[in-house]
Amino acid sequence: MTQIVERTVLFADLRGSTSMYETLGNTDATAVVTQSVALLARIVANHHGIVVKTLGDGLMAMFTAPAPAVAAADEMHESMERIGAPGRARAVPLMLQVGLACGEVIEMSGDVFGDAVNVAARLIDHAGDNETLITSNVLDGLGNMERSRFRSLDRMQLRGRVEPVHVYLLEAMRRFGDT
């Protein structure tokens, strides 16, 4: 069944997996990457999101509203930081990039299409290590307390789009309650 709905789309991508394959070898690196992506998928489910698809060392998910998507992104970063914490054995650290966009999408045959999907995917190109980037539509769907955690990066030109998109960065030092 095809339907047009308003959704928040999340792309999460692990950075550093290529180096991990080189350093650890295919078997060990595959185990780490698949376990990490499975962890991200569990976090999506815990926040009432749906994993649309996994993408090698990342995933695409959707949520009915921005707040649970942002909460999932927070937990994803926290979980990846715990995995890479000092004292934990990992030869090559994995970093996480998250992009979130909100808008009308077309759900069809278990997949999702639309501008929000494209924008969320392109935000990953601009996210640094362990960063979450969101659009103004996502920000508009958050409460005042949540909004205060984001800093404007102004309008950004995203690959393949004519119109620039206003992008916001989740302030890392405030992500986990630090002040």
N, C-alpha and C. Protein backbone atom coordinates (compact mmCIF):
# COMPACT_ATOMS: atom_id res chain seq x y z
N MET A 1 0.83 -1.19 0.00
CA MET A 1 0.00 0.00 0.00
C MET A 1 0.88 1.25 0.00
N THR A 2 0.56 2.20 -0.82
CA THR A 2 1.29 3.46 -0.89
C THR A 2 0.53 4.52 -0.11
N GLN A 3 1.27 5.25 0.72
CA GLN A 3 0.63 6.35 1.46
C GLN A 3 1.59 7.51 1.60
N ILE A 4 1.01 8.71 1.65
CA ILE A 4 1.79 9.93 1.86
C ILE A 4 1.56 10.37 3.30
N VAL A 5 2.67 10.50 4.05
CA VAL A 5 2.58 10.82 5.47
C VAL A 5 3.68 11.80 5.87
N GLU A 6 3.49 12.45 6.99
CA GLU A 6 4.50 13.34 7.56
C GLU A 6 5.36 12.50 8.51
N ARG A 7 6.68 12.48 8.28
CA ARG A 7 7.57 11.69 9.09
C ARG A 7 8.88 12.43 9.33
N THR A 8 9.58 12.02 10.39
CA THR A 8 10.94 12.47 10.63
C THR A 8 11.85 11.32 10.22
N VAL A 9 12.77 11.62 9.32
CA VAL A 9 13.67 10.61 8.77
C VAL A 9 15.04 10.77 9.42
N LEU A 10 15.62 9.67 9.84
CA LEU A 10 16.93 9.65 10.48
C LEU A 10 17.87 8.76 9.66
N PHE A 11 19.02 9.30 9.33
CA PHE A 11 20.11 8.51 8.77
C PHE A 11 21.22 8.49 9.80
N ALA A 12 21.76 7.32 10.06
CA ALA A 12 22.90 7.18 10.96
C ALA A 12 23.99 6.44 10.19
N ASP A 13 25.21 6.92 10.31
CA ASP A 13 26.32 6.34 9.57
C ASP A 13 27.52 6.20 10.50
N LEU A 14 28.13 5.03 10.50
CA LEU A 14 29.34 4.80 11.28
C LEU A 14 30.54 5.21 10.43
N ARG A 15 31.36 6.08 10.97
CA ARG A 15 32.57 6.50 10.27
C ARG A 15 33.75 5.79 10.93
N GLY A 16 34.63 5.27 10.09
CA GLY A 16 35.80 4.57 10.60
C GLY A 16 35.76 3.08 10.30
N SER A 17 34.69 2.62 9.69
CA SER A 17 34.59 1.18 9.44
C SER A 17 35.58 0.71 8.38
N THR A 18 35.88 1.56 7.39
CA THR A 18 36.84 1.16 6.36
C THR A 18 38.21 0.88 6.99
N SER A 19 38.65 1.76 7.88
CA SER A 19 39.92 1.54 8.58
C SER A 19 39.86 0.29 9.45
N MET A 20 38.69 0.07 10.03
CA MET A 20 38.54 -1.11 10.88
C MET A 20 38.71 -2.39 10.07
N TYR A 21 38.15 -2.42 8.87
CA TYR A 21 38.31 -3.62 8.03
C TYR A 21 39.77 -3.85 7.69
N GLU A 22 40.48 -2.77 7.43
CA GLU A 22 41.90 -2.89 7.10
C GLU A 22 42.70 -3.37 8.31
N THR A 23 42.38 -2.85 9.48
CA THR A 23 43.13 -3.16 10.69
C THR A 23 42.77 -4.52 11.28
N LEU A 24 41.47 -4.80 11.40
CA LEU A 24 41.02 -6.02 12.08
C LEU A 24 40.82 -7.19 11.14
N GLY A 25 40.64 -6.91 9.87
CA GLY A 25 40.30 -7.97 8.93
C GLY A 25 38.79 -8.08 8.77
N ASN A 26 38.37 -8.76 7.73
CA ASN A 26 36.95 -8.82 7.38
C ASN A 26 36.08 -9.43 8.47
N THR A 27 36.50 -10.54 9.04
CA THR A 27 35.65 -11.25 10.00
C THR A 27 35.41 -10.43 11.26
N ASP A 28 36.47 -9.95 11.88
CA ASP A 28 36.32 -9.20 13.13
C ASP A 28 35.64 -7.85 12.89
N ALA A 29 36.00 -7.17 11.82
CA ALA A 29 35.39 -5.87 11.53
C ALA A 29 33.90 -6.03 11.23
N THR A 30 33.55 -7.07 10.48
CA THR A 30 32.14 -7.31 10.18
C THR A 30 31.35 -7.55 11.47
N ALA A 31 31.92 -8.28 12.40
CA ALA A 31 31.26 -8.54 13.67
C ALA A 31 31.00 -7.23 14.43
N VAL A 32 32.01 -6.37 14.48
CA VAL A 32 31.87 -5.10 15.20
C VAL A 32 30.83 -4.21 14.52
N VAL A 33 30.92 -4.10 13.20
CA VAL A 33 29.99 -3.23 12.47
C VAL A 33 28.57 -3.75 12.57
N THR A 34 28.35 -5.03 12.37
CA THR A 34 26.99 -5.55 12.43
C THR A 34 26.41 -5.45 13.84
N GLN A 35 27.23 -5.66 14.86
CA GLN A 35 26.75 -5.50 16.24
C GLN A 35 26.42 -4.04 16.52
N SER A 36 27.23 -3.12 16.00
CA SER A 36 26.98 -1.69 16.22
C SER A 36 25.71 -1.24 15.52
N VAL A 37 25.50 -1.69 14.29
CA VAL A 37 24.28 -1.32 13.56
C VAL A 37 23.06 -1.96 14.22
N ALA A 38 23.19 -3.18 14.72
CA ALA A 38 22.09 -3.81 15.44
C ALA A 38 21.74 -3.03 16.70
N LEU A 39 22.74 -2.50 17.39
CA LEU A 39 22.51 -1.66 18.56
C LEU A 39 21.74 -0.40 18.16
N LEU A 40 22.14 0.24 17.07
CA LEU A 40 21.44 1.44 16.60
C LEU A 40 19.99 1.11 16.25
N ALA A 41 19.77 -0.04 15.64
CA ALA A 41 18.40 -0.45 15.29
C ALA A 41 17.55 -0.68 16.53
N ARG A 42 18.14 -1.27 17.58
CA ARG A 42 17.39 -1.47 18.84
C ARG A 42 17.01 -0.12 19.45
N ILE A 43 17.92 0.84 19.35
CA ILE A 43 17.63 2.17 19.88
C ILE A 43 16.47 2.81 19.13
N VAL A 44 16.46 2.67 17.81
CA VAL A 44 15.34 3.18 17.01
C VAL A 44 14.04 2.57 17.51
N ALA A 45 14.01 1.26 17.66
CA ALA A 45 12.79 0.58 18.11
C ALA A 45 12.38 1.03 19.51
N ASN A 46 13.36 1.23 20.41
CA ASN A 46 13.06 1.68 21.77
C ASN A 46 12.41 3.06 21.80
N HIS A 47 12.62 3.83 20.74
CA HIS A 47 12.04 5.18 20.66
C HIS A 47 10.87 5.21 19.67
N HIS A 48 10.28 4.05 19.44
CA HIS A 48 9.09 3.89 18.62
C HIS A 48 9.30 4.29 17.16
N GLY A 49 10.53 4.14 16.69
CA GLY A 49 10.82 4.36 15.28
C GLY A 49 10.83 3.05 14.53
N ILE A 50 10.94 3.15 13.23
CA ILE A 50 10.98 1.98 12.36
C ILE A 50 12.26 2.05 11.53
N VAL A 51 13.04 0.98 11.55
CA VAL A 51 14.20 0.91 10.67
C VAL A 51 13.67 0.56 9.28
N VAL A 52 13.90 1.47 8.35
CA VAL A 52 13.47 1.25 6.97
C VAL A 52 14.44 0.30 6.28
N LYS A 53 15.73 0.55 6.49
CA LYS A 53 16.75 -0.33 5.92
C LYS A 53 18.08 -0.08 6.58
N THR A 54 18.91 -1.11 6.55
CA THR A 54 20.29 -0.95 6.98
C THR A 54 21.12 -0.72 5.72
N LEU A 55 22.20 0.02 5.88
CA LEU A 55 23.01 0.44 4.75
C LEU A 55 24.47 0.11 5.02
N GLY A 56 24.80 -1.15 5.15
CA GLY A 56 26.18 -1.54 5.42
C GLY A 56 26.58 -1.14 6.82
N ASP A 57 27.19 0.05 6.95
CA ASP A 57 27.62 0.53 8.26
C ASP A 57 26.73 1.66 8.76
N GLY A 58 25.47 1.61 8.40
CA GLY A 58 24.52 2.62 8.85
C GLY A 58 23.10 2.15 8.68
N LEU A 59 22.17 3.07 8.93
CA LEU A 59 20.77 2.73 8.75
C LEU A 59 19.95 3.97 8.44
N MET A 60 18.76 3.69 7.93
CA MET A 60 17.75 4.71 7.69
C MET A 60 16.53 4.31 8.50
N ALA A 61 15.99 5.28 9.25
CA ALA A 61 14.82 5.02 10.08
C ALA A 61 13.84 6.17 9.95
N MET A 62 12.62 5.92 10.39
CA MET A 62 11.63 7.00 10.40
C MET A 62 10.84 6.97 11.69
N PHE A 63 10.37 8.15 12.07
CA PHE A 63 9.63 8.36 13.30
C PHE A 63 8.40 9.20 12.97
N THR A 64 7.37 9.08 13.80
CA THR A 64 6.16 9.87 13.56
C THR A 64 6.31 11.32 13.99
N ALA A 65 7.34 11.63 14.78
CA ALA A 65 7.54 12.99 15.28
C ALA A 65 9.03 13.25 15.50
N PRO A 66 9.43 14.52 15.54
CA PRO A 66 10.85 14.84 15.73
C PRO A 66 11.42 14.48 17.10
N ALA A 67 10.67 14.66 18.19
CA ALA A 67 11.23 14.47 19.53
C ALA A 67 11.77 13.06 19.75
N PRO A 68 11.03 12.00 19.41
CA PRO A 68 11.61 10.67 19.62
C PRO A 68 12.81 10.40 18.70
N ALA A 69 12.83 11.01 17.54
CA ALA A 69 13.98 10.84 16.63
C ALA A 69 15.23 11.48 17.22
N VAL A 70 15.08 12.66 17.81
CA VAL A 70 16.21 13.33 18.46
C VAL A 70 16.66 12.54 19.68
N ALA A 71 15.70 12.03 20.45
CA ALA A 71 16.05 11.20 21.61
C ALA A 71 16.81 9.95 21.17
N ALA A 72 16.40 9.35 20.06
CA ALA A 72 17.11 8.18 19.55
C ALA A 72 18.53 8.55 19.14
N ALA A 73 18.69 9.69 18.47
CA ALA A 73 20.03 10.14 18.07
C ALA A 73 20.91 10.35 19.30
N ASP A 74 20.35 10.95 20.35
CA ASP A 74 21.09 11.12 21.61
C ASP A 74 21.58 9.78 22.14
N GLU A 75 20.66 8.83 22.22
CA GLU A 75 21.02 7.53 22.78
C GLU A 75 22.03 6.80 21.90
N MET A 76 21.91 6.98 20.59
CA MET A 76 22.89 6.37 19.68
C MET A 76 24.29 6.88 19.97
N HIS A 77 24.42 8.20 20.12
CA HIS A 77 25.73 8.78 20.43
C HIS A 77 26.25 8.28 21.77
N GLU A 78 25.38 8.28 22.78
CA GLU A 78 25.79 7.80 24.10
C GLU A 78 26.27 6.35 24.03
N SER A 79 25.54 5.52 23.32
CA SER A 79 25.90 4.10 23.20
C SER A 79 27.21 3.92 22.48
N MET A 80 27.43 4.65 21.40
CA MET A 80 28.68 4.52 20.66
C MET A 80 29.85 5.03 21.49
N GLU A 81 29.63 6.06 22.30
CA GLU A 81 30.70 6.55 23.17
C GLU A 81 31.03 5.53 24.24
N ARG A 82 30.02 4.85 24.79
CA ARG A 82 30.27 3.80 25.79
C ARG A 82 31.07 2.66 25.19
N ILE A 83 30.72 2.26 23.96
CA ILE A 83 31.44 1.18 23.30
C ILE A 83 32.91 1.56 23.10
N GLY A 84 33.15 2.83 22.76
CA GLY A 84 34.52 3.28 22.50
C GLY A 84 35.20 3.90 23.70
N ALA A 85 34.64 3.68 24.89
CA ALA A 85 35.20 4.29 26.10
C ALA A 85 36.58 3.72 26.42
N PRO A 86 37.42 4.52 27.11
CA PRO A 86 38.73 4.02 27.51
C PRO A 86 38.60 2.72 28.29
N GLY A 87 39.53 1.81 28.03
CA GLY A 87 39.48 0.52 28.69
C GLY A 87 38.73 -0.53 27.89
N ARG A 88 37.98 -0.10 26.87
CA ARG A 88 37.28 -1.04 26.00
C ARG A 88 38.20 -1.38 24.83
N ALA A 89 38.26 -2.63 24.47
CA ALA A 89 39.16 -3.06 23.39
C ALA A 89 38.53 -2.77 22.03
N ARG A 90 39.13 -1.87 21.31
CA ARG A 90 38.76 -1.63 19.92
C ARG A 90 39.95 -0.97 19.26
N ALA A 91 40.49 -1.61 18.26
CA ALA A 91 41.70 -1.10 17.59
C ALA A 91 41.43 0.19 16.83
N VAL A 92 40.25 0.32 16.26
CA VAL A 92 39.91 1.50 15.47
C VAL A 92 38.57 2.03 15.98
N PRO A 93 38.53 3.28 16.43
CA PRO A 93 37.26 3.81 16.96
C PRO A 93 36.25 4.05 15.84
N LEU A 94 35.00 3.79 16.13
CA LEU A 94 33.91 4.12 15.22
C LEU A 94 33.27 5.41 15.68
N MET A 95 33.07 6.32 14.76
CA MET A 95 32.39 7.58 15.04
C MET A 95 31.00 7.49 14.43
N LEU A 96 30.07 8.28 14.95
CA LEU A 96 28.69 8.24 14.47
C LEU A 96 28.29 9.61 13.93
N GLN A 97 27.66 9.60 12.78
CA GLN A 97 27.09 10.81 12.20
C GLN A 97 25.59 10.56 12.04
N VAL A 98 24.78 11.56 12.40
CA VAL A 98 23.33 11.43 12.29
C VAL A 98 22.78 12.66 11.59
N GLY A 99 21.85 12.42 10.66
CA GLY A 99 21.13 13.49 9.98
C GLY A 99 19.64 13.26 10.12
N LEU A 100 18.91 14.33 10.46
CA LEU A 100 17.46 14.25 10.64
C LEU A 100 16.75 15.32 9.82
N ALA A 101 15.72 14.91 9.11
CA ALA A 101 14.88 15.85 8.37
C ALA A 101 13.43 15.43 8.55
N CYS A 102 12.55 16.39 8.45
CA CYS A 102 11.13 16.13 8.68
C CYS A 102 10.34 16.67 7.49
N GLY A 103 9.34 15.92 7.08
CA GLY A 103 8.50 16.37 5.99
C GLY A 103 7.64 15.25 5.44
N GLU A 104 6.97 15.56 4.36
CA GLU A 104 6.11 14.60 3.71
C GLU A 104 6.95 13.56 2.99
N VAL A 105 6.60 12.30 3.21
CA VAL A 105 7.29 11.19 2.53
C VAL A 105 6.25 10.25 1.94
N ILE A 106 6.70 9.45 1.01
CA ILE A 106 5.84 8.42 0.43
C ILE A 106 6.33 7.08 0.93
N GLU A 107 5.44 6.36 1.63
CA GLU A 107 5.74 5.00 2.08
C GLU A 107 5.21 4.04 1.02
N MET A 108 6.11 3.18 0.53
CA MET A 108 5.68 2.27 -0.52
C MET A 108 6.51 0.98 -0.45
N SER A 109 5.85 -0.13 -0.33
CA SER A 109 6.49 -1.45 -0.33
C SER A 109 7.63 -1.55 0.67
N GLY A 110 7.43 -1.02 1.87
CA GLY A 110 8.42 -1.11 2.93
C GLY A 110 9.56 -0.11 2.82
N ASP A 111 9.51 0.77 1.84
CA ASP A 111 10.55 1.78 1.68
C ASP A 111 9.92 3.16 1.81
N VAL A 112 10.75 4.18 1.89
CA VAL A 112 10.29 5.55 2.07
C VAL A 112 11.02 6.44 1.08
N PHE A 113 10.27 7.33 0.44
CA PHE A 113 10.83 8.22 -0.57
C PHE A 113 10.37 9.65 -0.31
N GLY A 114 11.14 10.61 -0.77
CA GLY A 114 10.72 12.00 -0.68
C GLY A 114 11.87 12.92 -0.32
N ASP A 115 11.56 14.20 -0.32
CA ASP A 115 12.57 15.22 -0.06
C ASP A 115 13.19 15.07 1.31
N ALA A 116 12.39 14.75 2.32
CA ALA A 116 12.93 14.60 3.69
C ALA A 116 13.96 13.47 3.73
N VAL A 117 13.72 12.41 2.98
CA VAL A 117 14.67 11.30 2.91
C VAL A 117 15.98 11.78 2.30
N ASN A 118 15.88 12.48 1.18
CA ASN A 118 17.07 12.98 0.49
C ASN A 118 17.85 13.96 1.35
N VAL A 119 17.14 14.86 2.01
CA VAL A 119 17.82 15.86 2.85
C VAL A 119 18.52 15.19 4.02
N ALA A 120 17.84 14.28 4.71
CA ALA A 120 18.47 13.60 5.85
C ALA A 120 19.73 12.85 5.41
N ALA A 121 19.67 12.21 4.25
CA ALA A 121 20.83 11.49 3.73
C ALA A 121 21.98 12.45 3.41
N ARG A 122 21.67 13.59 2.85
CA ARG A 122 22.70 14.57 2.48
C ARG A 122 23.31 15.26 3.69
N LEU A 123 22.57 15.36 4.78
CA LEU A 123 23.13 15.97 5.99
C LEU A 123 24.32 15.18 6.50
N ILE A 124 24.32 13.88 6.29
CA ILE A 124 25.44 13.04 6.70
C ILE A 124 26.74 13.52 6.05
N ASP A 125 26.64 14.00 4.80
CA ASP A 125 27.84 14.50 4.09
C ASP A 125 28.49 15.68 4.83
N HIS A 126 27.70 16.40 5.62
CA HIS A 126 28.19 17.61 6.30
C HIS A 126 28.45 17.40 7.79
N ALA A 127 28.00 16.28 8.32
CA ALA A 127 28.17 16.03 9.76
C ALA A 127 29.60 15.58 10.04
N GLY A 128 30.14 16.11 11.11
CA GLY A 128 31.45 15.69 11.57
C GLY A 128 31.33 14.45 12.43
N ASP A 129 32.45 13.98 12.93
CA ASP A 129 32.44 12.82 13.81
C ASP A 129 31.59 13.09 15.05
N ASN A 130 30.71 12.16 15.36
CA ASN A 130 29.84 12.22 16.54
C ASN A 130 28.95 13.46 16.55
N GLU A 131 28.49 13.88 15.38
CA GLU A 131 27.58 15.03 15.29
C GLU A 131 26.21 14.61 14.79
N THR A 132 25.20 15.36 15.25
CA THR A 132 23.84 15.24 14.75
C THR A 132 23.46 16.57 14.12
N LEU A 133 23.03 16.52 12.85
CA LEU A 133 22.54 17.70 12.15
C LEU A 133 21.05 17.51 11.88
N ILE A 134 20.29 18.60 12.04
CA ILE A 134 18.86 18.55 11.79
C ILE A 134 18.45 19.75 10.94
N THR A 135 17.25 19.66 10.37
CA THR A 135 16.69 20.77 9.60
C THR A 135 15.77 21.60 10.49
N SER A 136 15.38 22.75 9.96
CA SER A 136 14.48 23.64 10.72
C SER A 136 13.13 22.98 10.97
N ASN A 137 12.66 22.11 10.08
CA ASN A 137 11.39 21.42 10.31
C ASN A 137 11.47 20.49 11.52
N VAL A 138 12.62 19.87 11.72
CA VAL A 138 12.80 19.03 12.91
C VAL A 138 12.81 19.92 14.15
N LEU A 139 13.57 21.01 14.08
CA LEU A 139 13.66 21.94 15.21
C LEU A 139 12.28 22.47 15.59
N ASP A 140 11.46 22.80 14.60
CA ASP A 140 10.11 23.32 14.85
C ASP A 140 9.23 22.32 15.59
N GLY A 141 9.53 21.04 15.47
CA GLY A 141 8.73 20.01 16.13
C GLY A 141 9.17 19.68 17.53
N LEU A 142 10.17 20.42 18.05
CA LEU A 142 10.69 20.17 19.39
C LEU A 142 10.18 21.20 20.37
N GLY A 143 10.18 20.85 21.65
CA GLY A 143 9.83 21.79 22.70
C GLY A 143 10.96 22.78 22.92
N ASN A 144 10.69 23.84 23.66
CA ASN A 144 11.68 24.90 23.89
C ASN A 144 12.97 24.39 24.51
N MET A 145 12.86 23.49 25.48
CA MET A 145 14.05 22.96 26.15
C MET A 145 14.92 22.21 25.15
N GLU A 146 14.29 21.37 24.34
CA GLU A 146 15.03 20.62 23.32
C GLU A 146 15.65 21.56 22.28
N ARG A 147 14.91 22.57 21.87
CA ARG A 147 15.42 23.51 20.85
C ARG A 147 16.68 24.21 21.31
N SER A 148 16.77 24.48 22.60
CA SER A 148 17.92 25.22 23.13
C SER A 148 19.22 24.44 23.01
N ARG A 149 19.12 23.15 22.73
CA ARG A 149 20.31 22.31 22.60
C ARG A 149 20.96 22.40 21.22
N PHE A 150 20.33 23.12 20.30
CA PHE A 150 20.82 23.19 18.93
C PHE A 150 21.33 24.58 18.59
N ARG A 151 22.37 24.59 17.76
CA ARG A 151 22.98 25.85 17.28
C ARG A 151 22.83 25.91 15.77
N SER A 152 22.42 27.06 15.28
CA SER A 152 22.23 27.24 13.84
C SER A 152 23.58 27.24 13.12
N LEU A 153 23.64 26.49 12.03
CA LEU A 153 24.81 26.51 11.15
C LEU A 153 24.50 27.31 9.89
N ASP A 154 23.33 27.96 9.90
CA ASP A 154 22.85 28.77 8.79
C ASP A 154 22.38 27.87 7.66
N ARG A 155 22.21 28.46 6.49
CA ARG A 155 21.71 27.72 5.34
C ARG A 155 22.87 27.01 4.65
N MET A 156 22.64 25.76 4.29
CA MET A 156 23.67 24.94 3.66
C MET A 156 23.19 24.45 2.31
N GLN A 157 24.09 24.45 1.37
CA GLN A 157 23.78 23.88 0.07
C GLN A 157 24.05 22.38 0.13
N LEU A 158 23.03 21.59 -0.11
CA LEU A 158 23.17 20.14 -0.08
C LEU A 158 23.25 19.61 -1.51
N ARG A 159 24.07 18.62 -1.71
CA ARG A 159 24.29 18.04 -3.02
C ARG A 159 22.95 17.62 -3.65
N GLY A 160 22.74 18.06 -4.88
CA GLY A 160 21.56 17.68 -5.63
C GLY A 160 20.36 18.58 -5.42
N ARG A 161 20.43 19.52 -4.50
CA ARG A 161 19.30 20.43 -4.23
C ARG A 161 19.59 21.82 -4.76
N VAL A 162 18.57 22.47 -5.25
CA VAL A 162 18.70 23.85 -5.73
C VAL A 162 18.64 24.81 -4.54
N GLU A 163 17.65 24.60 -3.67
CA GLU A 163 17.46 25.48 -2.53
C GLU A 163 18.31 25.04 -1.35
N PRO A 164 19.02 25.99 -0.72
CA PRO A 164 19.76 25.62 0.50
C PRO A 164 18.79 25.27 1.63
N VAL A 165 19.30 24.56 2.63
CA VAL A 165 18.50 24.10 3.76
C VAL A 165 19.10 24.68 5.03
N HIS A 166 18.23 25.21 5.92
CA HIS A 166 18.72 25.70 7.21
C HIS A 166 19.02 24.50 8.09
N VAL A 167 20.27 24.44 8.59
CA VAL A 167 20.75 23.28 9.33
C VAL A 167 21.16 23.71 10.74
N TYR A 168 20.89 22.82 11.69
CA TYR A 168 21.23 23.04 13.09
C TYR A 168 22.06 21.88 13.60
N LEU A 169 22.99 22.19 14.49
CA LEU A 169 23.89 21.21 15.09
C LEU A 169 23.50 20.98 16.54
N LEU A 170 23.40 19.71 16.92
CA LEU A 170 23.19 19.38 18.32
C LEU A 170 24.49 19.68 19.06
N GLU A 171 24.41 20.55 20.02
CA GLU A 171 25.60 20.94 20.78
C GLU A 171 26.06 19.75 21.61
N ALA A 172 27.23 19.23 21.30
CA ALA A 172 27.73 18.01 21.93
C ALA A 172 27.89 18.16 23.44
N MET A 173 28.40 19.30 23.90
CA MET A 173 28.64 19.42 25.34
C MET A 173 27.34 19.43 26.12
N ARG A 174 26.22 19.72 25.47
CA ARG A 174 24.96 19.75 26.15
C ARG A 174 24.13 18.49 25.88
N ARG A 175 24.64 17.62 25.01
CA ARG A 175 23.88 16.43 24.62
C ARG A 175 23.63 15.52 25.81
N PHE A 176 24.60 15.38 26.70
CA PHE A 176 24.47 14.44 27.79
C PHE A 176 24.30 15.13 29.13
N GLY A 177 23.80 16.37 29.11
CA GLY A 177 23.53 17.06 30.35
C GLY A 177 24.71 17.85 30.89
N ASP A 178 25.86 17.86 30.18
CA ASP A 178 26.98 18.68 30.64
C ASP A 178 26.65 20.14 30.39
N THR A 179 27.17 21.00 31.22
CA THR A 179 26.98 22.45 31.02
C THR A 179 28.27 23.16 31.08
